[in-house]
Amino acid sequence: TAFLHGELEEDILMSQPEGFVVPGKEKYACSLKKSLYGLKQSPRQWYKRFDSFMVEHGFDRSPYDCCVYHSKVEDGSYIYLLLYVDDML
C-alpha cells in the first residue's frame, strides 16, 4: 500500500473501473489524484515523498546510496535507516 501515498505530478487518466461505471457516462474517464499500484510513476513518487519526510525530520541521505539515511543523536550515537523498495530496517 506504500505506493498509494505518492503524489502525481502529471495528469493521468484511466477508464472507469469495472463495477464503478457511472450509468449514462460510460465513455467518461477518471483523473487520478494519487498514484496507484502498477503505475510506472508510483515507486518514484512514493520515494520522493518518503525522502522529503526523512529530510524534514533531520535525517541525511547517504551520498553513496540513496536508500540509506542517517542521523546523529544527542548522545553521539547514530540512527541508520535502510530502505528497500517499501520496507525499512
PDB file of N, CA and C in Angstrom:
ATOM      1  N   THR A   1       0.807  -1.203   0.000  1.00  0.00           N
ATOM      2  CA  THR A   1       0.000   0.000   0.000  1.00  0.00           C
ATOM      3  C   THR A   1       0.850   1.267   0.000  1.00  0.00           C
ATOM      4  N   ALA A   2       2.165   1.121   0.140  1.00  0.00           N
ATOM      5  CA  ALA A   2       3.032   2.305   0.183  1.00  0.00           C
ATOM      6  C   ALA A   2       2.899   3.136  -1.085  1.00  0.00           C
ATOM      7  N   PHE A   3       2.771   2.483  -2.225  1.00  0.00           N
ATOM      8  CA  PHE A   3       2.717   3.214  -3.485  1.00  0.00           C
ATOM      9  C   PHE A   3       1.439   4.038  -3.624  1.00  0.00           C
ATOM     10  N   LEU A   4       0.443   3.809  -2.790  1.00  0.00           N
ATOM     11  CA  LEU A   4      -0.800   4.569  -2.865  1.00  0.00           C
ATOM     12  C   LEU A   4      -0.666   5.952  -2.248  1.00  0.00           C
ATOM     13  N   HIS A   5       0.476   6.244  -1.617  1.00  0.00           N
ATOM     14  CA  HIS A   5       0.660   7.518  -0.936  1.00  0.00           C
ATOM     15  C   HIS A   5       1.480   8.529  -1.738  1.00  0.00           C
ATOM     16  N   GLY A   6       1.838   8.199  -2.951  1.00  0.00           N
ATOM     17  CA  GLY A   6       2.600   9.131  -3.781  1.00  0.00           C
ATOM     18  C   GLY A   6       1.700  10.178  -4.414  1.00  0.00           C
ATOM     19  N   GLU A   7       2.229  11.362  -4.556  1.00  0.00           N
ATOM     20  CA  GLU A   7       1.506  12.461  -5.210  1.00  0.00           C
ATOM     21  C   GLU A   7       1.923  12.511  -6.674  1.00  0.00           C
ATOM     22  N   LEU A   8       0.958  12.525  -7.572  1.00  0.00           N
ATOM     23  CA  LEU A   8       1.265  12.574  -9.002  1.00  0.00           C
ATOM     24  C   LEU A   8       1.594  13.992  -9.432  1.00  0.00           C
ATOM     25  N   GLU A   9       2.550  14.112 -10.321  1.00  0.00           N
ATOM     26  CA  GLU A   9       2.950  15.416 -10.855  1.00  0.00           C
ATOM     27  C   GLU A   9       2.356  15.677 -12.233  1.00  0.00           C
ATOM     28  N   GLU A  10       1.895  14.630 -12.890  1.00  0.00           N
ATOM     29  CA  GLU A  10       1.336  14.780 -14.219  1.00  0.00           C
ATOM     30  C   GLU A  10      -0.120  14.340 -14.210  1.00  0.00           C
ATOM     31  N   ASP A  11      -0.852  14.725 -15.247  1.00  0.00           N
ATOM     32  CA  ASP A  11      -2.251  14.326 -15.370  1.00  0.00           C
ATOM     33  C   ASP A  11      -2.308  12.920 -15.936  1.00  0.00           C
ATOM     34  N   ILE A  12      -2.994  12.037 -15.233  1.00  0.00           N
ATOM     35  CA  ILE A  12      -3.148  10.659 -15.690  1.00  0.00           C
ATOM     36  C   ILE A  12      -4.628  10.336 -15.696  1.00  0.00           C
ATOM     37  N   LEU A  13      -5.099   9.854 -16.824  1.00  0.00           N
ATOM     38  CA  LEU A  13      -6.499   9.466 -16.976  1.00  0.00           C
ATOM     39  C   LEU A  13      -6.587   7.956 -17.119  1.00  0.00           C
ATOM     40  N   MET A  14      -7.665   7.384 -16.584  1.00  0.00           N
ATOM     41  CA  MET A  14      -7.888   5.946 -16.735  1.00  0.00           C
ATOM     42  C   MET A  14      -9.375   5.716 -16.959  1.00  0.00           C
ATOM     43  N   SER A  15      -9.701   4.597 -17.566  1.00  0.00           N
ATOM     44  CA  SER A  15     -11.112   4.276 -17.760  1.00  0.00           C
ATOM     45  C   SER A  15     -11.743   3.944 -16.411  1.00  0.00           C
ATOM     46  N   GLN A  16     -13.042   4.070 -16.337  1.00  0.00           N
ATOM     47  CA  GLN A  16     -13.735   3.797 -15.082  1.00  0.00           C
ATOM     48  C   GLN A  16     -13.558   2.319 -14.710  1.00  0.00           C
ATOM     49  N   PRO A  17     -13.244   2.042 -13.446  1.00  0.00           N
ATOM     50  CA  PRO A  17     -13.039   0.650 -13.035  1.00  0.00           C
ATOM     51  C   PRO A  17     -14.328  -0.166 -13.139  1.00  0.00           C
ATOM     52  N   GLU A  18     -14.167  -1.424 -13.462  1.00  0.00           N
ATOM     53  CA  GLU A  18     -15.311  -2.331 -13.558  1.00  0.00           C
ATOM     54  C   GLU A  18     -16.062  -2.346 -12.223  1.00  0.00           C
ATOM     55  N   GLY A  19     -17.369  -2.199 -12.288  1.00  0.00           N
ATOM     56  CA  GLY A  19     -18.181  -2.175 -11.081  1.00  0.00           C
ATOM     57  C   GLY A  19     -18.431  -0.771 -10.563  1.00  0.00           C
ATOM     58  N   PHE A  20     -17.712   0.212 -11.101  1.00  0.00           N
ATOM     59  CA  PHE A  20     -17.876   1.599 -10.663  1.00  0.00           C
ATOM     60  C   PHE A  20     -18.201   2.514 -11.844  1.00  0.00           C
ATOM     61  N   VAL A  21     -18.703   1.952 -12.902  1.00  0.00           N
ATOM     62  CA  VAL A  21     -19.052   2.740 -14.088  1.00  0.00           C
ATOM     63  C   VAL A  21     -20.336   3.505 -13.809  1.00  0.00           C
ATOM     64  N   VAL A  22     -20.317   4.793 -14.067  1.00  0.00           N
ATOM     65  CA  VAL A  22     -21.485   5.648 -13.849  1.00  0.00           C
ATOM     66  C   VAL A  22     -22.437   5.463 -15.021  1.00  0.00           C
ATOM     67  N   PRO A  23     -23.676   5.050 -14.748  1.00  0.00           N
ATOM     68  CA  PRO A  23     -24.641   4.859 -15.830  1.00  0.00           C
ATOM     69  C   PRO A  23     -24.854   6.152 -16.624  1.00  0.00           C
ATOM     70  N   GLY A  24     -24.838   6.043 -17.926  1.00  0.00           N
ATOM     71  CA  GLY A  24     -25.005   7.193 -18.803  1.00  0.00           C
ATOM     72  C   GLY A  24     -23.706   7.925 -19.088  1.00  0.00           C
ATOM     73  N   LYS A  25     -22.620   7.569 -18.372  1.00  0.00           N
ATOM     74  CA  LYS A  25     -21.321   8.224 -18.572  1.00  0.00           C
ATOM     75  C   LYS A  25     -20.228   7.175 -18.780  1.00  0.00           C
ATOM     76  N   GLU A  26     -20.582   6.130 -19.492  1.00  0.00           N
ATOM     77  CA  GLU A  26     -19.658   5.013 -19.697  1.00  0.00           C
ATOM     78  C   GLU A  26     -18.376   5.403 -20.429  1.00  0.00           C
ATOM     79  N   LYS A  27     -18.429   6.448 -21.245  1.00  0.00           N
ATOM     80  CA  LYS A  27     -17.254   6.857 -22.019  1.00  0.00           C
ATOM     81  C   LYS A  27     -16.389   7.871 -21.278  1.00  0.00           C
ATOM     82  N   TYR A  28     -16.792   8.281 -20.085  1.00  0.00           N
ATOM     83  CA  TYR A  28     -16.013   9.217 -19.283  1.00  0.00           C
ATOM     84  C   TYR A  28     -14.774   8.525 -18.728  1.00  0.00           C
ATOM     85  N   ALA A  29     -13.778   9.309 -18.372  1.00  0.00           N
ATOM     86  CA  ALA A  29     -12.537   8.784 -17.791  1.00  0.00           C
ATOM     87  C   ALA A  29     -12.356   9.348 -16.386  1.00  0.00           C
ATOM     88  N   CYS A  30     -11.548   8.677 -15.611  1.00  0.00           N
ATOM     89  CA  CYS A  30     -11.230   9.132 -14.252  1.00  0.00           C
ATOM     90  C   CYS A  30      -9.871   9.830 -14.287  1.00  0.00           C
ATOM     91  N   SER A  31      -9.769  10.942 -13.589  1.00  0.00           N
ATOM     92  CA  SER A  31      -8.495  11.649 -13.452  1.00  0.00           C
ATOM     93  C   SER A  31      -7.906  11.262 -12.097  1.00  0.00           C
ATOM     94  N   LEU A  32      -6.711  10.693 -12.114  1.00  0.00           N
ATOM     95  CA  LEU A  32      -6.089  10.243 -10.871  1.00  0.00           C
ATOM     96  C   LEU A  32      -5.460  11.406 -10.123  1.00  0.00           C
ATOM     97  N   LYS A  33      -5.677  11.445  -8.815  1.00  0.00           N
ATOM     98  CA  LYS A  33      -5.061  12.460  -7.961  1.00  0.00           C
ATOM     99  C   LYS A  33      -3.911  11.871  -7.166  1.00  0.00           C
ATOM    100  N   LYS A  34      -3.949  10.562  -6.934  1.00  0.00           N
ATOM    101  CA  LYS A  34      -2.904   9.850  -6.201  1.00  0.00           C
ATOM    102  C   LYS A  34      -2.424   8.703  -7.084  1.00  0.00           C
ATOM    103  N   SER A  35      -1.230   8.212  -6.790  1.00  0.00           N
ATOM    104  CA  SER A  35      -0.717   7.105  -7.586  1.00  0.00           C
ATOM    105  C   SER A  35      -1.418   5.805  -7.211  1.00  0.00           C
ATOM    106  N   LEU A  36      -1.392   4.871  -8.119  1.00  0.00           N
ATOM    107  CA  LEU A  36      -1.955   3.543  -7.919  1.00  0.00           C
ATOM    108  C   LEU A  36      -0.854   2.507  -8.073  1.00  0.00           C
ATOM    109  N   TYR A  37      -1.017   1.387  -7.403  1.00  0.00           N
ATOM    110  CA  TYR A  37      -0.076   0.290  -7.590  1.00  0.00           C
ATOM    111  C   TYR A  37      -0.151  -0.159  -9.046  1.00  0.00           C
ATOM    112  N   GLY A  38       0.986  -0.293  -9.669  1.00  0.00           N
ATOM    113  CA  GLY A  38       1.024  -0.706 -11.061  1.00  0.00           C
ATOM    114  C   GLY A  38       1.385   0.425 -12.020  1.00  0.00           C
ATOM    115  N   LEU A  39       1.246   1.674 -11.589  1.00  0.00           N
ATOM    116  CA  LEU A  39       1.674   2.791 -12.444  1.00  0.00           C
ATOM    117  C   LEU A  39       3.198   2.845 -12.461  1.00  0.00           C
ATOM    118  N   LYS A  40       3.762   3.181 -13.577  1.00  0.00           N
ATOM    119  CA  LYS A  40       5.220   3.283 -13.670  1.00  0.00           C
ATOM    120  C   LYS A  40       5.766   4.385 -12.762  1.00  0.00           C
ATOM    121  N   GLN A  41       4.965   5.408 -12.499  1.00  0.00           N
ATOM    122  CA  GLN A  41       5.405   6.536 -11.677  1.00  0.00           C
ATOM    123  C   GLN A  41       5.334   6.235 -10.178  1.00  0.00           C
ATOM    124  N   SER A  42       4.584   5.234  -9.766  1.00  0.00           N
ATOM    125  CA  SER A  42       4.298   5.002  -8.351  1.00  0.00           C
ATOM    126  C   SER A  42       5.532   4.844  -7.471  1.00  0.00           C
ATOM    127  N   PRO A  43       6.492   3.983  -7.819  1.00  0.00           N
ATOM    128  CA  PRO A  43       7.660   3.855  -6.937  1.00  0.00           C
ATOM    129  C   PRO A  43       8.439   5.159  -6.783  1.00  0.00           C
ATOM    130  N   ARG A  44       8.610   5.881  -7.857  1.00  0.00           N
ATOM    131  CA  ARG A  44       9.367   7.137  -7.797  1.00  0.00           C
ATOM    132  C   ARG A  44       8.640   8.190  -6.958  1.00  0.00           C
ATOM    133  N   GLN A  45       7.329   8.307  -7.170  1.00  0.00           N
ATOM    134  CA  GLN A  45       6.562   9.295  -6.429  1.00  0.00           C
ATOM    135  C   GLN A  45       6.546   8.972  -4.938  1.00  0.00           C
ATOM    136  N   TRP A  46       6.454   7.689  -4.593  1.00  0.00           N
ATOM    137  CA  TRP A  46       6.490   7.302  -3.190  1.00  0.00           C
ATOM    138  C   TRP A  46       7.857   7.618  -2.591  1.00  0.00           C
ATOM    139  N   TYR A  47       8.921   7.314  -3.327  1.00  0.00           N
ATOM    140  CA  TYR A  47      10.266   7.587  -2.808  1.00  0.00           C
ATOM    141  C   TYR A  47      10.464   9.091  -2.588  1.00  0.00           C
ATOM    142  N   LYS A  48       9.999   9.916  -3.505  1.00  0.00           N
ATOM    143  CA  LYS A  48      10.164  11.364  -3.351  1.00  0.00           C
ATOM    144  C   LYS A  48       9.445  11.858  -2.104  1.00  0.00           C
ATOM    145  N   ARG A  49       8.261  11.337  -1.832  1.00  0.00           N
ATOM    146  CA  ARG A  49       7.531  11.738  -0.630  1.00  0.00           C
ATOM    147  C   ARG A  49       8.238  11.235   0.627  1.00  0.00           C
ATOM    148  N   PHE A  50       8.718  10.000   0.593  1.00  0.00           N
ATOM    149  CA  PHE A  50       9.446   9.434   1.724  1.00  0.00           C
ATOM    150  C   PHE A  50      10.720  10.222   1.998  1.00  0.00           C
ATOM    151  N   ASP A  51      11.457  10.536   0.946  1.00  0.00           N
ATOM    152  CA  ASP A  51      12.711  11.275   1.073  1.00  0.00           C
ATOM    153  C   ASP A  51      12.479  12.650   1.703  1.00  0.00           C
ATOM    154  N   SER A  52      11.474  13.364   1.256  1.00  0.00           N
ATOM    155  CA  SER A  52      11.215  14.691   1.826  1.00  0.00           C
ATOM    156  C   SER A  52      10.816  14.576   3.296  1.00  0.00           C
ATOM    157  N   PHE A  53      10.077  13.527   3.667  1.00  0.00           N
ATOM    158  CA  PHE A  53       9.705  13.318   5.065  1.00  0.00           C
ATOM    159  C   PHE A  53      10.946  13.089   5.922  1.00  0.00           C
ATOM    160  N   MET A  54      11.859  12.247   5.459  1.00  0.00           N
ATOM    161  CA  MET A  54      13.065  11.931   6.229  1.00  0.00           C
ATOM    162  C   MET A  54      13.946  13.172   6.394  1.00  0.00           C
ATOM    163  N   VAL A  55      14.105  13.936   5.336  1.00  0.00           N
ATOM    164  CA  VAL A  55      14.932  15.140   5.402  1.00  0.00           C
ATOM    165  C   VAL A  55      14.298  16.171   6.344  1.00  0.00           C
ATOM    166  N   GLU A  56      12.984  16.307   6.298  1.00  0.00           N
ATOM    167  CA  GLU A  56      12.284  17.228   7.208  1.00  0.00           C
ATOM    168  C   GLU A  56      12.473  16.838   8.672  1.00  0.00           C
ATOM    169  N   HIS A  57      12.687  15.560   8.931  1.00  0.00           N
ATOM    170  CA  HIS A  57      12.850  15.071  10.299  1.00  0.00           C
ATOM    171  C   HIS A  57      14.313  14.895  10.700  1.00  0.00           C
ATOM    172  N   GLY A  58      15.197  15.569  10.000  1.00  0.00           N
ATOM    173  CA  GLY A  58      16.586  15.650  10.411  1.00  0.00           C
ATOM    174  C   GLY A  58      17.507  14.535   9.960  1.00  0.00           C
ATOM    175  N   PHE A  59      17.062  13.694   9.047  1.00  0.00           N
ATOM    176  CA  PHE A  59      17.925  12.635   8.533  1.00  0.00           C
ATOM    177  C   PHE A  59      18.663  13.132   7.297  1.00  0.00           C
ATOM    178  N   ASP A  60      19.863  12.631   7.110  1.00  0.00           N
ATOM    179  CA  ASP A  60      20.643  12.925   5.913  1.00  0.00           C
ATOM    180  C   ASP A  60      20.681  11.686   5.039  1.00  0.00           C
ATOM    181  N   ARG A  61      20.604  11.891   3.739  1.00  0.00           N
ATOM    182  CA  ARG A  61      20.702  10.795   2.778  1.00  0.00           C
ATOM    183  C   ARG A  61      22.171  10.512   2.513  1.00  0.00           C
ATOM    184  N   SER A  62      22.531   9.266   2.456  1.00  0.00           N
ATOM    185  CA  SER A  62      23.910   8.902   2.174  1.00  0.00           C
ATOM    186  C   SER A  62      24.293   9.332   0.763  1.00  0.00           C
ATOM    187  N   PRO A  63      25.485   9.901   0.592  1.00  0.00           N
ATOM    188  CA  PRO A  63      25.920  10.268  -0.764  1.00  0.00           C
ATOM    189  C   PRO A  63      26.296   9.047  -1.608  1.00  0.00           C
ATOM    190  N   TYR A  64      26.421   7.887  -0.967  1.00  0.00           N
ATOM    191  CA  TYR A  64      26.838   6.672  -1.655  1.00  0.00           C
ATOM    192  C   TYR A  64      25.671   5.777  -2.045  1.00  0.00           C
ATOM    193  N   ASP A  65      24.579   5.870  -1.286  1.00  0.00           N
ATOM    194  CA  ASP A  65      23.404   5.040  -1.566  1.00  0.00           C
ATOM    195  C   ASP A  65      22.165   5.825  -1.151  1.00  0.00           C
ATOM    196  N   CYS A  66      21.296   6.123  -2.109  1.00  0.00           N
ATOM    197  CA  CYS A  66      20.134   6.965  -1.824  1.00  0.00           C
ATOM    198  C   CYS A  66      19.082   6.270  -0.969  1.00  0.00           C
ATOM    199  N   CYS A  67      19.296   5.009  -0.640  1.00  0.00           N
ATOM    200  CA  CYS A  67      18.347   4.275   0.200  1.00  0.00           C
ATOM    201  C   CYS A  67      18.858   4.117   1.629  1.00  0.00           C
ATOM    202  N   VAL A  68      19.904   4.852   1.997  1.00  0.00           N
ATOM    203  CA  VAL A  68      20.436   4.823   3.357  1.00  0.00           C
ATOM    204  C   VAL A  68      20.333   6.237   3.931  1.00  0.00           C
ATOM    205  N   TYR A  69      19.678   6.333   5.077  1.00  0.00           N
ATOM    206  CA  TYR A  69      19.529   7.599   5.786  1.00  0.00           C
ATOM    207  C   TYR A  69      20.193   7.476   7.148  1.00  0.00           C
ATOM    208  N   HIS A  70      20.754   8.577   7.634  1.00  0.00           N
ATOM    209  CA  HIS A  70      21.393   8.536   8.942  1.00  0.00           C
ATOM    210  C   HIS A  70      21.164   9.859   9.659  1.00  0.00           C
ATOM    211  N   SER A  71      21.204   9.766  10.988  1.00  0.00           N
ATOM    212  CA  SER A  71      21.017  10.948  11.826  1.00  0.00           C
ATOM    213  C   SER A  71      21.821  10.755  13.106  1.00  0.00           C
ATOM    214  N   LYS A  72      22.468  11.797  13.564  1.00  0.00           N
ATOM    215  CA  LYS A  72      23.249  11.728  14.801  1.00  0.00           C
ATOM    216  C   LYS A  72      22.353  12.143  15.963  1.00  0.00           C
ATOM    217  N   VAL A  73      22.334  11.316  16.998  1.00  0.00           N
ATOM    218  CA  VAL A  73      21.512  11.560  18.182  1.00  0.00           C
ATOM    219  C   VAL A  73      22.316  12.404  19.166  1.00  0.00           C
ATOM    220  N   GLU A  74      21.636  13.044  20.107  1.00  0.00           N
ATOM    221  CA  GLU A  74      22.281  13.937  21.066  1.00  0.00           C
ATOM    222  C   GLU A  74      23.406  13.276  21.855  1.00  0.00           C
ATOM    223  N   ASP A  75      23.285  11.979  22.145  1.00  0.00           N
ATOM    224  CA  ASP A  75      24.321  11.300  22.931  1.00  0.00           C
ATOM    225  C   ASP A  75      25.530  10.883  22.088  1.00  0.00           C
ATOM    226  N   GLY A  76      25.537  11.237  20.813  1.00  0.00           N
ATOM    227  CA  GLY A  76      26.662  10.932  19.939  1.00  0.00           C
ATOM    228  C   GLY A  76      26.491   9.666  19.123  1.00  0.00           C
ATOM    229  N   SER A  77      25.472   8.885  19.412  1.00  0.00           N
ATOM    230  CA  SER A  77      25.234   7.672  18.624  1.00  0.00           C
ATOM    231  C   SER A  77      24.498   8.042  17.328  1.00  0.00           C
ATOM    232  N   TYR A  78      24.388   7.079  16.436  1.00  0.00           N
ATOM    233  CA  TYR A  78      23.754   7.302  15.141  1.00  0.00           C
ATOM    234  C   TYR A  78      22.534   6.418  14.979  1.00  0.00           C
ATOM    235  N   ILE A  79      21.602   6.926  14.212  1.00  0.00           N
ATOM    236  CA  ILE A  79      20.460   6.143  13.764  1.00  0.00           C
ATOM    237  C   ILE A  79      20.635   5.949  12.262  1.00  0.00           C
ATOM    238  N   TYR A  80      20.555   4.703  11.832  1.00  0.00           N
ATOM    239  CA  TYR A  80      20.611   4.386  10.408  1.00  0.00           C
ATOM    240  C   TYR A  80      19.280   3.794   9.988  1.00  0.00           C
ATOM    241  N   LEU A  81      18.769   4.234   8.854  1.00  0.00           N
ATOM    242  CA  LEU A  81      17.554   3.669   8.297  1.00  0.00           C
ATOM    243  C   LEU A  81      17.893   3.179   6.900  1.00  0.00           C
ATOM    244  N   LEU A  82      17.624   1.911   6.657  1.00  0.00           N
ATOM    245  CA  LEU A  82      17.881   1.304   5.351  1.00  0.00           C
ATOM    246  C   LEU A  82      16.537   1.065   4.673  1.00  0.00           C
ATOM    247  N   LEU A  83      16.414   1.466   3.440  1.00  0.00           N
ATOM    248  CA  LEU A  83      15.169   1.371   2.697  1.00  0.00           C
ATOM    249  C   LEU A  83      15.347   0.396   1.542  1.00  0.00           C
ATOM    250  N   TYR A  84      14.440  -0.549   1.441  1.00  0.00           N
ATOM    251  CA  TYR A  84      14.450  -1.496   0.321  1.00  0.00           C
ATOM    252  C   TYR A  84      13.045  -1.543  -0.245  1.00  0.00           C
ATOM    253  N   VAL A  85      12.835  -0.977  -1.404  1.00  0.00           N
ATOM    254  CA  VAL A  85      11.548  -0.827  -2.074  1.00  0.00           C
ATOM    255  C   VAL A  85      10.584  -0.089  -1.149  1.00  0.00           C
ATOM    256  N   ASP A  86       9.748  -0.807  -0.394  1.00  0.00           N
ATOM    257  CA  ASP A  86       8.843  -0.127   0.534  1.00  0.00           C
ATOM    258  C   ASP A  86       8.968  -0.715   1.942  1.00  0.00           C
ATOM    259  N   ASP A  87      10.088  -1.359   2.234  1.00  0.00           N
ATOM    260  CA  ASP A  87      10.374  -1.895   3.563  1.00  0.00           C
ATOM    261  C   ASP A  87      11.532  -1.134   4.166  1.00  0.00           C
ATOM    262  N   MET A  88      11.513  -0.989   5.486  1.00  0.00           N
ATOM    263  CA  MET A  88      12.580  -0.254   6.170  1.00  0.00           C
ATOM    264  C   MET A  88      13.167  -1.098   7.277  1.00  0.00           C
ATOM    265  N   LEU A  89      14.461  -0.897   7.532  1.00  0.00           N
ATOM    266  CA  LEU A  89      15.155  -1.583   8.619  1.00  0.00           C
ATOM    267  C   LEU A  89      15.856  -0.530   9.456  1.00  0.00           C
TER     268      LEU A  89
END
